[in-house]
Amino acid sequence: MSDWTSLWYVWLLLLTVFLLLFCGVSASCIKFCCRKKRLPVETFPRHPCDLTVIGIDSDSTAHSTVT
């Protein structure tokens, strides 16, 4: 049987996997922390609206038709 300490390529592969895992976890933590500090962004920007108001007298034909 081979001695595990003499297999340098196994240790190199394990170190590479560990470093990739560590970088992924670190990036996820940083992204999560930065997301909490940002202000909430509106999904739809507000646009000014036009509002038209028409005054109706009690003597007008439109008012008597509606009532």
N, C-alpha and C. Protein backbone atom coordinates (compact mmCIF):
# COMPACT_ATOMS: atom_id res chain seq x y z
N MET A 1 0.83 -1.19 0.00
CA MET A 1 0.00 0.00 0.00
C MET A 1 0.87 1.24 0.00
N SER A 2 0.37 2.29 -0.62
CA SER A 2 1.11 3.55 -0.68
C SER A 2 0.89 4.34 0.59
N ASP A 3 1.89 5.09 0.95
CA ASP A 3 1.78 5.97 2.11
C ASP A 3 1.06 7.25 1.67
N TRP A 4 0.01 7.66 2.42
CA TRP A 4 -0.80 8.82 2.04
C TRP A 4 -0.02 10.11 2.05
N THR A 5 0.99 10.23 2.87
CA THR A 5 1.76 11.47 2.94
C THR A 5 2.67 11.64 1.74
N SER A 6 3.01 10.56 1.05
CA SER A 6 3.88 10.68 -0.11
C SER A 6 3.10 11.00 -1.39
N LEU A 7 1.79 10.92 -1.34
CA LEU A 7 0.98 11.22 -2.51
C LEU A 7 0.70 12.72 -2.54
N TRP A 8 1.62 13.49 -3.08
CA TRP A 8 1.53 14.95 -3.05
C TRP A 8 0.35 15.46 -3.88
N TYR A 9 0.00 14.77 -4.93
CA TYR A 9 -1.09 15.24 -5.80
C TYR A 9 -2.45 15.11 -5.11
N VAL A 10 -2.60 14.17 -4.18
CA VAL A 10 -3.85 14.05 -3.43
C VAL A 10 -3.99 15.25 -2.50
N TRP A 11 -2.89 15.62 -1.83
CA TRP A 11 -2.93 16.79 -0.94
C TRP A 11 -3.16 18.08 -1.73
N LEU A 12 -2.58 18.15 -2.93
CA LEU A 12 -2.80 19.33 -3.77
C LEU A 12 -4.27 19.42 -4.19
N LEU A 13 -4.87 18.30 -4.55
CA LEU A 13 -6.28 18.28 -4.93
C LEU A 13 -7.17 18.65 -3.75
N LEU A 14 -6.89 18.11 -2.57
CA LEU A 14 -7.66 18.45 -1.37
C LEU A 14 -7.52 19.93 -1.02
N LEU A 15 -6.32 20.48 -1.14
CA LEU A 15 -6.09 21.90 -0.86
C LEU A 15 -6.85 22.77 -1.85
N THR A 16 -6.88 22.38 -3.12
CA THR A 16 -7.60 23.15 -4.14
C THR A 16 -9.11 23.15 -3.86
N VAL A 17 -9.65 22.00 -3.52
CA VAL A 17 -11.08 21.90 -3.21
C VAL A 17 -11.41 22.73 -1.98
N PHE A 18 -10.56 22.66 -0.95
CA PHE A 18 -10.78 23.45 0.26
C PHE A 18 -10.74 24.94 -0.03
N LEU A 19 -9.78 25.39 -0.83
CA LEU A 19 -9.69 26.82 -1.16
C LEU A 19 -10.90 27.29 -1.97
N LEU A 20 -11.38 26.47 -2.91
CA LEU A 20 -12.57 26.85 -3.67
C LEU A 20 -13.80 26.92 -2.77
N LEU A 21 -13.93 25.98 -1.86
CA LEU A 21 -15.04 25.99 -0.92
C LEU A 21 -14.97 27.21 0.00
N PHE A 22 -13.78 27.52 0.49
CA PHE A 22 -13.60 28.67 1.36
C PHE A 22 -13.92 29.98 0.64
N CYS A 23 -13.49 30.11 -0.62
CA CYS A 23 -13.79 31.32 -1.40
C CYS A 23 -15.29 31.45 -1.66
N GLY A 24 -15.97 30.36 -1.93
CA GLY A 24 -17.41 30.40 -2.16
C GLY A 24 -18.17 30.81 -0.92
N VAL A 25 -17.79 30.26 0.23
CA VAL A 25 -18.47 30.62 1.48
C VAL A 25 -18.19 32.08 1.83
N SER A 26 -16.97 32.53 1.64
CA SER A 26 -16.62 33.93 1.93
C SER A 26 -17.39 34.89 1.02
N ALA A 27 -17.48 34.57 -0.26
CA ALA A 27 -18.20 35.43 -1.20
C ALA A 27 -19.69 35.48 -0.85
N SER A 28 -20.25 34.35 -0.43
CA SER A 28 -21.66 34.33 -0.05
C SER A 28 -21.91 35.18 1.20
N CYS A 29 -21.01 35.09 2.17
CA CYS A 29 -21.17 35.90 3.39
C CYS A 29 -21.06 37.39 3.09
N ILE A 30 -20.10 37.76 2.25
CA ILE A 30 -19.92 39.17 1.91
C ILE A 30 -21.14 39.68 1.16
N LYS A 31 -21.66 38.88 0.22
CA LYS A 31 -22.85 39.29 -0.53
C LYS A 31 -24.05 39.44 0.39
N PHE A 32 -24.21 38.53 1.34
CA PHE A 32 -25.33 38.59 2.27
C PHE A 32 -25.24 39.83 3.16
N CYS A 33 -24.04 40.13 3.66
CA CYS A 33 -23.85 41.30 4.52
C CYS A 33 -24.08 42.60 3.76
N CYS A 34 -23.62 42.69 2.53
CA CYS A 34 -23.80 43.91 1.73
C CYS A 34 -25.27 44.10 1.35
N ARG A 35 -26.01 43.02 1.15
CA ARG A 35 -27.42 43.13 0.80
C ARG A 35 -28.22 43.70 1.95
N LYS A 36 -27.87 43.37 3.18
CA LYS A 36 -28.61 43.87 4.35
C LYS A 36 -28.38 45.36 4.56
N LYS A 37 -27.21 45.88 4.20
CA LYS A 37 -26.89 47.28 4.46
C LYS A 37 -27.48 48.22 3.42
N ARG A 38 -27.80 47.72 2.23
CA ARG A 38 -28.34 48.57 1.17
C ARG A 38 -29.78 48.97 1.47
N LEU A 39 -30.16 50.13 0.99
CA LEU A 39 -31.54 50.59 1.13
C LEU A 39 -32.42 49.82 0.15
N PRO A 40 -33.66 49.57 0.51
CA PRO A 40 -34.54 48.86 -0.42
C PRO A 40 -34.80 49.68 -1.68
N VAL A 41 -34.77 49.01 -2.80
CA VAL A 41 -34.94 49.67 -4.09
C VAL A 41 -36.35 49.38 -4.58
N GLU A 42 -37.03 50.42 -5.09
CA GLU A 42 -38.37 50.24 -5.62
C GLU A 42 -38.29 49.46 -6.92
N THR A 43 -39.18 48.49 -7.09
CA THR A 43 -39.16 47.69 -8.30
C THR A 43 -39.69 48.48 -9.50
N PHE A 44 -40.70 49.33 -9.28
CA PHE A 44 -41.24 50.14 -10.35
C PHE A 44 -41.06 51.61 -9.98
N PRO A 45 -40.41 52.38 -10.85
CA PRO A 45 -40.25 53.81 -10.53
C PRO A 45 -41.59 54.52 -10.59
N ARG A 46 -41.74 55.48 -9.72
CA ARG A 46 -42.99 56.24 -9.67
C ARG A 46 -43.02 57.28 -10.78
N HIS A 47 -44.13 57.32 -11.48
CA HIS A 47 -44.32 58.30 -12.54
C HIS A 47 -45.40 59.28 -12.09
N PRO A 48 -45.25 60.54 -12.45
CA PRO A 48 -46.31 61.50 -12.08
C PRO A 48 -47.60 61.16 -12.83
N CYS A 49 -48.70 61.30 -12.14
CA CYS A 49 -50.01 60.99 -12.73
C CYS A 49 -50.78 62.28 -12.97
N ASP A 50 -51.58 62.26 -14.01
CA ASP A 50 -52.46 63.39 -14.29
C ASP A 50 -53.83 63.07 -13.72
N LEU A 51 -54.41 64.03 -13.05
CA LEU A 51 -55.73 63.87 -12.47
C LEU A 51 -56.61 65.00 -12.98
N THR A 52 -57.72 64.63 -13.55
CA THR A 52 -58.65 65.62 -14.09
C THR A 52 -59.91 65.63 -13.24
N VAL A 53 -60.30 66.81 -12.79
CA VAL A 53 -61.50 66.96 -11.98
C VAL A 53 -62.46 67.85 -12.74
N ILE A 54 -63.68 67.37 -12.88
CA ILE A 54 -64.70 68.14 -13.59
C ILE A 54 -65.79 68.49 -12.59
N GLY A 55 -66.05 69.74 -12.46
CA GLY A 55 -67.11 70.17 -11.57
C GLY A 55 -68.46 70.08 -12.26
N ILE A 56 -69.46 69.52 -11.56
CA ILE A 56 -70.79 69.38 -12.14
C ILE A 56 -71.77 70.15 -11.27
N ASP A 57 -72.54 71.02 -11.88
CA ASP A 57 -73.58 71.75 -11.16
C ASP A 57 -74.79 70.85 -10.96
N SER A 58 -75.58 71.21 -10.00
CA SER A 58 -76.78 70.42 -9.75
C SER A 58 -77.83 70.62 -10.86
N ASP A 59 -77.67 71.69 -11.65
CA ASP A 59 -78.64 71.96 -12.71
C ASP A 59 -78.23 71.35 -14.05
N SER A 60 -77.06 70.78 -14.14
CA SER A 60 -76.59 70.29 -15.44
C SER A 60 -77.29 68.99 -15.81
N THR A 61 -77.32 68.67 -17.10
CA THR A 61 -77.99 67.46 -17.58
C THR A 61 -77.20 66.21 -17.22
N ALA A 62 -75.88 66.32 -17.16
CA ALA A 62 -75.06 65.15 -16.81
C ALA A 62 -75.34 64.71 -15.39
N HIS A 63 -75.51 65.68 -14.48
CA HIS A 63 -75.77 65.34 -13.08
C HIS A 63 -77.14 64.69 -12.92
N SER A 64 -78.12 65.20 -13.62
CA SER A 64 -79.45 64.63 -13.48
C SER A 64 -79.54 63.24 -14.12
N THR A 65 -78.71 62.99 -15.14
CA THR A 65 -78.70 61.66 -15.76
C THR A 65 -78.04 60.66 -14.84
N VAL A 66 -76.97 61.07 -14.14
CA VAL A 66 -76.25 60.16 -13.25
C VAL A 66 -77.12 59.83 -12.05
N THR A 67 -77.78 60.82 -11.47
CA THR A 67 -78.60 60.56 -10.29
C THR A 67 -79.89 59.90 -10.69
